[in-house]
């Protein structure tokens, strides 16, 4: 008999949907403080990543087993899955157009893009999400400021976290159901009671 090897990242079940997600924006910033004056110095390193605590609604076994089976495919912390903010699957901004990366070798937390509807105030708004890449290269970013498109359909996005890699020019900007790749923080488990009601919660960290 062969061995089944999942194709990571897997997609999570859509029913029942996630009840709550507690998001954390994790920055690698060290702080030293003088014990005498309490003066502080900060040291900003490159690391930035998403962390989350996911809680599912109470459910019966027939629904729960879809989630338990998906989690089992991860083989603990080996596998990965895609997750975005279920409360924000679409942007607050206008979002129209076919946006792509405009120019190669871009790094940092700004990105030149084009392909938006021309001359729109608020083509994206502060807090909107977008995704660069797919599969194992999928990365989730959050806009820091309201952004406009100019008369040529160009827009400069400023966001968190920084780019993980320099995207290629012409690469698609995904603004619907934007996601990134996550890995479990600890072995997965669940609670089930005497009337076959299941309670599931798990914490995850972005897989870089």
C-alpha atoms as a PDB file:
ATOM      1  CA  UNK A   1       0.000   0.000   0.000  1.00  0.00           C
ATOM      2  CA  UNK A   2       1.134   3.527  -0.737  1.00  0.00           C
ATOM      3  CA  UNK A   3       1.353   6.472   1.659  1.00  0.00           C
ATOM      4  CA  UNK A   4      -0.966   9.448   1.161  1.00  0.00           C
ATOM      5  CA  UNK A   5       1.000  12.704   1.136  1.00  0.00           C
ATOM      6  CA  UNK A   6      -1.185  15.840   1.219  1.00  0.00           C
ATOM      7  CA  UNK A   7      -0.466  18.668  -1.178  1.00  0.00           C
ATOM      8  CA  UNK A   8       0.373  21.616   1.083  1.00  0.00           C
ATOM      9  CA  UNK A   9      -0.964  24.141   1.719  1.00  0.00           C
ATOM     10  CA  UNK A  10      -4.385  22.539   2.133  1.00  0.00           C
ATOM     11  CA  UNK A  11      -7.705  24.401   2.032  1.00  0.00           C
ATOM     12  CA  UNK A  12      -9.735  24.479   5.236  1.00  0.00           C
ATOM     13  CA  UNK A  13     -13.407  23.425   5.354  1.00  0.00           C
ATOM     14  CA  UNK A  14     -15.917  26.193   4.681  1.00  0.00           C
ATOM     15  CA  UNK A  15     -18.787  24.724   6.718  1.00  0.00           C
ATOM     16  CA  UNK A  16     -19.247  25.466   9.482  1.00  0.00           C
ATOM     17  CA  UNK A  17     -17.416  28.746   9.132  1.00  0.00           C
ATOM     18  CA  UNK A  18     -14.959  30.118  11.656  1.00  0.00           C
ATOM     19  CA  UNK A  19     -16.579  31.777  14.686  1.00  0.00           C
ATOM     20  CA  UNK A  20     -13.749  34.102  15.745  1.00  0.00           C
ATOM     21  CA  UNK A  21     -10.130  34.830  14.892  1.00  0.00           C
ATOM     22  CA  UNK A  22      -7.838  36.716  17.261  1.00  0.00           C
ATOM     23  CA  UNK A  23      -5.134  38.246  15.055  1.00  0.00           C
ATOM     24  CA  UNK A  24      -1.624  39.243  16.154  1.00  0.00           C
ATOM     25  CA  UNK A  25       0.827  41.332  14.124  1.00  0.00           C
ATOM     26  CA  UNK A  26       4.202  40.004  15.298  1.00  0.00           C
ATOM     27  CA  UNK A  27       7.204  42.311  14.761  1.00  0.00           C
ATOM     28  CA  UNK A  28      10.790  41.377  15.641  1.00  0.00           C
ATOM     29  CA  UNK A  29      11.523  44.515  17.655  1.00  0.00           C
ATOM     30  CA  UNK A  30      13.766  44.324  20.713  1.00  0.00           C
ATOM     31  CA  UNK A  31      13.608  46.933  23.494  1.00  0.00           C
ATOM     32  CA  UNK A  32      16.343  47.667  26.042  1.00  0.00           C
ATOM     33  CA  UNK A  33      15.614  49.852  29.063  1.00  0.00           C
ATOM     34  CA  UNK A  34      18.035  51.526  31.407  1.00  0.00           C
ATOM     35  CA  UNK A  35      17.434  50.383  35.017  1.00  0.00           C
ATOM     36  CA  UNK A  36      18.534  53.833  36.182  1.00  0.00           C
ATOM     37  CA  UNK A  37      16.771  56.309  33.885  1.00  0.00           C
ATOM     38  CA  UNK A  38      14.148  54.011  32.277  1.00  0.00           C
ATOM     39  CA  UNK A  39      15.230  55.443  28.936  1.00  0.00           C
ATOM     40  CA  UNK A  40      14.441  52.984  26.157  1.00  0.00           C
ATOM     41  CA  UNK A  41      16.149  52.028  22.936  1.00  0.00           C
ATOM     42  CA  UNK A  42      14.485  49.958  20.233  1.00  0.00           C
ATOM     43  CA  UNK A  43      16.096  47.619  17.711  1.00  0.00           C
ATOM     44  CA  UNK A  44      14.008  46.892  14.651  1.00  0.00           C
ATOM     45  CA  UNK A  45      14.840  43.594  12.935  1.00  0.00           C
ATOM     46  CA  UNK A  46      13.454  42.263   9.651  1.00  0.00           C
ATOM     47  CA  UNK A  47      11.004  39.690  10.999  1.00  0.00           C
ATOM     48  CA  UNK A  48       7.275  40.369  10.601  1.00  0.00           C
ATOM     49  CA  UNK A  49       4.584  37.698  10.601  1.00  0.00           C
ATOM     50  CA  UNK A  50       0.936  36.967  11.286  1.00  0.00           C
ATOM     51  CA  UNK A  51      -0.251  34.908  14.250  1.00  0.00           C
ATOM     52  CA  UNK A  52      -3.836  33.911  15.020  1.00  0.00           C
ATOM     53  CA  UNK A  53      -6.061  32.081  17.485  1.00  0.00           C
ATOM     54  CA  UNK A  54      -8.944  30.398  15.634  1.00  0.00           C
ATOM     55  CA  UNK A  55     -12.186  29.362  17.357  1.00  0.00           C
ATOM     56  CA  UNK A  56     -14.875  27.319  15.627  1.00  0.00           C
ATOM     57  CA  UNK A  57     -18.574  27.317  16.583  1.00  0.00           C
ATOM     58  CA  UNK A  58     -19.926  24.509  18.735  1.00  0.00           C
ATOM     59  CA  UNK A  59     -20.931  21.716  16.365  1.00  0.00           C
ATOM     60  CA  UNK A  60     -22.089  18.138  16.120  1.00  0.00           C
ATOM     61  CA  UNK A  61     -19.801  15.316  15.069  1.00  0.00           C
ATOM     62  CA  UNK A  62     -20.945  15.229  11.418  1.00  0.00           C
ATOM     63  CA  UNK A  63     -19.682  18.790  10.950  1.00  0.00           C
ATOM     64  CA  UNK A  64     -16.714  18.513  13.292  1.00  0.00           C
ATOM     65  CA  UNK A  65     -15.199  15.546  11.471  1.00  0.00           C
ATOM     66  CA  UNK A  66     -14.621  17.695   8.375  1.00  0.00           C
ATOM     67  CA  UNK A  67     -12.378  19.956  10.441  1.00  0.00           C
ATOM     68  CA  UNK A  68     -10.741  17.131  12.389  1.00  0.00           C
ATOM     69  CA  UNK A  69      -9.880  15.342   9.168  1.00  0.00           C
ATOM     70  CA  UNK A  70      -8.393  18.508   7.683  1.00  0.00           C
ATOM     71  CA  UNK A  71      -6.275  19.077  10.776  1.00  0.00           C
ATOM     72  CA  UNK A  72      -5.110  15.444  10.700  1.00  0.00           C
ATOM     73  CA  UNK A  73      -3.801  15.994   7.157  1.00  0.00           C
ATOM     74  CA  UNK A  74      -1.360  18.547   8.565  1.00  0.00           C
ATOM     75  CA  UNK A  75       0.593  15.882  10.492  1.00  0.00           C
ATOM     76  CA  UNK A  76       1.090  18.246  13.426  1.00  0.00           C
ATOM     77  CA  UNK A  77       3.391  21.127  12.571  1.00  0.00           C
ATOM     78  CA  UNK A  78       4.634  19.619   9.297  1.00  0.00           C
ATOM     79  CA  UNK A  79       1.835  20.733   6.992  1.00  0.00           C
ATOM     80  CA  UNK A  80       0.433  24.146   6.158  1.00  0.00           C
ATOM     81  CA  UNK A  81      -2.913  25.646   5.175  1.00  0.00           C
ATOM     82  CA  UNK A  82      -4.263  28.901   3.772  1.00  0.00           C
ATOM     83  CA  UNK A  83      -6.195  31.321   5.988  1.00  0.00           C
ATOM     84  CA  UNK A  84      -7.394  34.894   5.649  1.00  0.00           C
ATOM     85  CA  UNK A  85      -9.594  37.218   7.678  1.00  0.00           C
ATOM     86  CA  UNK A  86     -13.127  35.748   7.404  1.00  0.00           C
ATOM     87  CA  UNK A  87     -14.600  39.114   8.433  1.00  0.00           C
ATOM     88  CA  UNK A  88     -12.932  40.937   5.532  1.00  0.00           C
ATOM     89  CA  UNK A  89     -13.128  38.813   2.362  1.00  0.00           C
ATOM     90  CA  UNK A  90     -13.595  41.899   0.170  1.00  0.00           C
ATOM     91  CA  UNK A  91     -11.962  45.354   0.320  1.00  0.00           C
ATOM     92  CA  UNK A  92     -13.682  48.417   1.743  1.00  0.00           C
ATOM     93  CA  UNK A  93     -12.272  50.409  -1.155  1.00  0.00           C
ATOM     94  CA  UNK A  94     -13.510  50.443  -4.733  1.00  0.00           C
ATOM     95  CA  UNK A  95     -11.168  47.645  -5.781  1.00  0.00           C
ATOM     96  CA  UNK A  96     -12.082  47.620  -9.476  1.00  0.00           C
ATOM     97  CA  UNK A  97      -9.591  46.741 -12.173  1.00  0.00           C
ATOM     98  CA  UNK A  98      -7.105  43.942 -12.793  1.00  0.00           C
ATOM     99  CA  UNK A  99      -4.230  45.013 -10.532  1.00  0.00           C
ATOM    100  CA  UNK A 100      -0.702  43.735 -11.097  1.00  0.00           C
ATOM    101  CA  UNK A 101       2.801  44.502  -9.811  1.00  0.00           C
ATOM    102  CA  UNK A 102       4.433  47.331 -11.773  1.00  0.00           C
ATOM    103  CA  UNK A 103       8.200  46.867 -11.870  1.00  0.00           C
ATOM    104  CA  UNK A 104      10.680  44.229 -10.730  1.00  0.00           C
ATOM    105  CA  UNK A 105      13.032  44.084  -7.707  1.00  0.00           C
ATOM    106  CA  UNK A 106      10.637  45.809  -5.295  1.00  0.00           C
ATOM    107  CA  UNK A 107      11.211  45.278  -1.566  1.00  0.00           C
ATOM    108  CA  UNK A 108      10.107  46.791   1.749  1.00  0.00           C
ATOM    109  CA  UNK A 109       6.574  47.859   2.615  1.00  0.00           C
ATOM    110  CA  UNK A 110       5.598  49.815  -0.495  1.00  0.00           C
ATOM    111  CA  UNK A 111       4.663  48.383  -3.873  1.00  0.00           C
ATOM    112  CA  UNK A 112       4.104  50.048  -7.233  1.00  0.00           C
ATOM    113  CA  UNK A 113       1.049  48.569  -8.923  1.00  0.00           C
ATOM    114  CA  UNK A 114      -1.005  49.207 -12.046  1.00  0.00           C
ATOM    115  CA  UNK A 115      -4.128  47.917 -13.768  1.00  0.00           C
ATOM    116  CA  UNK A 116      -6.627  49.608 -11.443  1.00  0.00           C
ATOM    117  CA  UNK A 117      -9.683  51.493 -12.666  1.00  0.00           C
ATOM    118  CA  UNK A 118      -8.479  54.936 -13.693  1.00  0.00           C
ATOM    119  CA  UNK A 119      -8.587  57.925 -11.362  1.00  0.00           C
ATOM    120  CA  UNK A 120     -10.416  56.434  -8.370  1.00  0.00           C
ATOM    121  CA  UNK A 121     -10.225  58.024  -4.914  1.00  0.00           C
ATOM    122  CA  UNK A 122     -10.117  55.172  -2.418  1.00  0.00           C
ATOM    123  CA  UNK A 123      -9.321  52.359  -4.840  1.00  0.00           C
ATOM    124  CA  UNK A 124      -8.285  50.618  -1.618  1.00  0.00           C
ATOM    125  CA  UNK A 125      -8.736  51.829   1.947  1.00  0.00           C
ATOM    126  CA  UNK A 126      -6.723  51.551   5.144  1.00  0.00           C
ATOM    127  CA  UNK A 127      -7.155  48.061   6.572  1.00  0.00           C
ATOM    128  CA  UNK A 128      -7.911  46.364   3.258  1.00  0.00           C
ATOM    129  CA  UNK A 129      -6.057  43.115   2.628  1.00  0.00           C
ATOM    130  CA  UNK A 130      -4.285  41.940  -0.487  1.00  0.00           C
ATOM    131  CA  UNK A 131      -2.380  38.788  -1.390  1.00  0.00           C
ATOM    132  CA  UNK A 132       0.828  38.358  -3.354  1.00  0.00           C
ATOM    133  CA  UNK A 133       1.580  34.896  -4.738  1.00  0.00           C
ATOM    134  CA  UNK A 134      -0.326  31.624  -4.485  1.00  0.00           C
ATOM    135  CA  UNK A 135       0.161  28.269  -2.794  1.00  0.00           C
ATOM    136  CA  UNK A 136       3.381  28.117  -0.774  1.00  0.00           C
ATOM    137  CA  UNK A 137       4.255  31.645  -1.977  1.00  0.00           C
ATOM    138  CA  UNK A 138       0.984  33.231  -0.799  1.00  0.00           C
ATOM    139  CA  UNK A 139       1.548  36.238   1.464  1.00  0.00           C
ATOM    140  CA  UNK A 140      -1.103  38.401   3.152  1.00  0.00           C
ATOM    141  CA  UNK A 141      -0.628  42.168   3.501  1.00  0.00           C
ATOM    142  CA  UNK A 142      -2.754  44.874   5.164  1.00  0.00           C
ATOM    143  CA  UNK A 143      -3.000  48.432   3.806  1.00  0.00           C
ATOM    144  CA  UNK A 144      -1.847  51.212   6.138  1.00  0.00           C
ATOM    145  CA  UNK A 145      -3.410  54.150   4.295  1.00  0.00           C
ATOM    146  CA  UNK A 146      -6.249  54.977   1.935  1.00  0.00           C
ATOM    147  CA  UNK A 147      -4.897  54.641  -1.614  1.00  0.00           C
ATOM    148  CA  UNK A 148      -5.960  56.290  -4.885  1.00  0.00           C
ATOM    149  CA  UNK A 149      -5.389  55.257  -8.499  1.00  0.00           C
ATOM    150  CA  UNK A 150      -4.113  57.883 -10.918  1.00  0.00           C
ATOM    151  CA  UNK A 151      -5.242  58.646 -14.454  1.00  0.00           C
ATOM    152  CA  UNK A 152      -3.158  55.747 -15.786  1.00  0.00           C
ATOM    153  CA  UNK A 153      -4.445  53.176 -13.287  1.00  0.00           C
ATOM    154  CA  UNK A 154      -1.304  53.241 -11.136  1.00  0.00           C
ATOM    155  CA  UNK A 155      -1.385  53.039  -7.341  1.00  0.00           C
ATOM    156  CA  UNK A 156       1.335  52.813  -4.697  1.00  0.00           C
ATOM    157  CA  UNK A 157       0.413  50.468  -1.853  1.00  0.00           C
ATOM    158  CA  UNK A 158       1.876  50.901   1.649  1.00  0.00           C
ATOM    159  CA  UNK A 159       1.286  47.955   3.954  1.00  0.00           C
ATOM    160  CA  UNK A 160       2.240  45.536   6.739  1.00  0.00           C
ATOM    161  CA  UNK A 161       4.115  43.171   6.800  1.00  0.00           C
ATOM    162  CA  UNK A 162       7.071  43.882   4.530  1.00  0.00           C
ATOM    163  CA  UNK A 163       7.377  41.933   1.293  1.00  0.00           C
ATOM    164  CA  UNK A 164       8.842  38.465   1.859  1.00  0.00           C
ATOM    165  CA  UNK A 165      10.365  38.413  -1.608  1.00  0.00           C
ATOM    166  CA  UNK A 166      10.524  40.686  -4.645  1.00  0.00           C
ATOM    167  CA  UNK A 167       7.469  39.837  -6.769  1.00  0.00           C
ATOM    168  CA  UNK A 168       7.867  39.720 -10.525  1.00  0.00           C
ATOM    169  CA  UNK A 169       6.486  42.538 -12.633  1.00  0.00           C
ATOM    170  CA  UNK A 170       3.030  41.646 -13.906  1.00  0.00           C
ATOM    171  CA  UNK A 171       2.286  39.401 -10.926  1.00  0.00           C
ATOM    172  CA  UNK A 172      -1.377  39.526  -9.898  1.00  0.00           C
ATOM    173  CA  UNK A 173      -2.566  41.462  -6.827  1.00  0.00           C
ATOM    174  CA  UNK A 174      -5.337  39.410  -5.190  1.00  0.00           C
ATOM    175  CA  UNK A 175      -7.876  41.472  -3.227  1.00  0.00           C
ATOM    176  CA  UNK A 176     -10.743  38.977  -2.884  1.00  0.00           C
ATOM    177  CA  UNK A 177     -10.410  36.368  -0.093  1.00  0.00           C
ATOM    178  CA  UNK A 178      -6.752  37.256   0.424  1.00  0.00           C
ATOM    179  CA  UNK A 179      -4.833  34.638   2.413  1.00  0.00           C
ATOM    180  CA  UNK A 180      -1.432  33.519   3.616  1.00  0.00           C
ATOM    181  CA  UNK A 181       0.103  30.208   4.667  1.00  0.00           C
ATOM    182  CA  UNK A 182      -0.083  29.107   8.316  1.00  0.00           C
ATOM    183  CA  UNK A 183       1.292  26.295  10.461  1.00  0.00           C
ATOM    184  CA  UNK A 184      -0.083  24.949  13.752  1.00  0.00           C
ATOM    185  CA  UNK A 185       1.699  26.169  16.894  1.00  0.00           C
ATOM    186  CA  UNK A 186       1.130  22.939  18.834  1.00  0.00           C
ATOM    187  CA  UNK A 187      -0.345  19.429  18.454  1.00  0.00           C
ATOM    188  CA  UNK A 188      -4.004  19.678  17.470  1.00  0.00           C
ATOM    189  CA  UNK A 189      -6.772  18.556  19.838  1.00  0.00           C
ATOM    190  CA  UNK A 190     -10.491  19.049  20.511  1.00  0.00           C
ATOM    191  CA  UNK A 191     -13.195  18.629  23.162  1.00  0.00           C
ATOM    192  CA  UNK A 192     -16.318  16.487  22.801  1.00  0.00           C
ATOM    193  CA  UNK A 193     -19.076  16.034  25.408  1.00  0.00           C
ATOM    194  CA  UNK A 194     -21.692  13.386  26.228  1.00  0.00           C
ATOM    195  CA  UNK A 195     -24.180  14.726  23.658  1.00  0.00           C
ATOM    196  CA  UNK A 196     -21.627  14.668  20.813  1.00  0.00           C
ATOM    197  CA  UNK A 197     -21.061  18.432  20.752  1.00  0.00           C
ATOM    198  CA  UNK A 198     -17.551  19.412  19.700  1.00  0.00           C
ATOM    199  CA  UNK A 199     -15.465  22.428  20.693  1.00  0.00           C
ATOM    200  CA  UNK A 200     -12.402  23.279  18.575  1.00  0.00           C
ATOM    201  CA  UNK A 201      -9.772  25.993  19.015  1.00  0.00           C
ATOM    202  CA  UNK A 202      -6.214  26.197  17.686  1.00  0.00           C
ATOM    203  CA  UNK A 203      -3.388  28.719  17.422  1.00  0.00           C
ATOM    204  CA  UNK A 204      -1.291  29.235  14.299  1.00  0.00           C
ATOM    205  CA  UNK A 205       1.732  31.159  13.042  1.00  0.00           C
ATOM    206  CA  UNK A 206       2.446  32.269   9.492  1.00  0.00           C
ATOM    207  CA  UNK A 207       4.689  29.764   7.718  1.00  0.00           C
ATOM    208  CA  UNK A 208       7.603  31.644   6.161  1.00  0.00           C
END
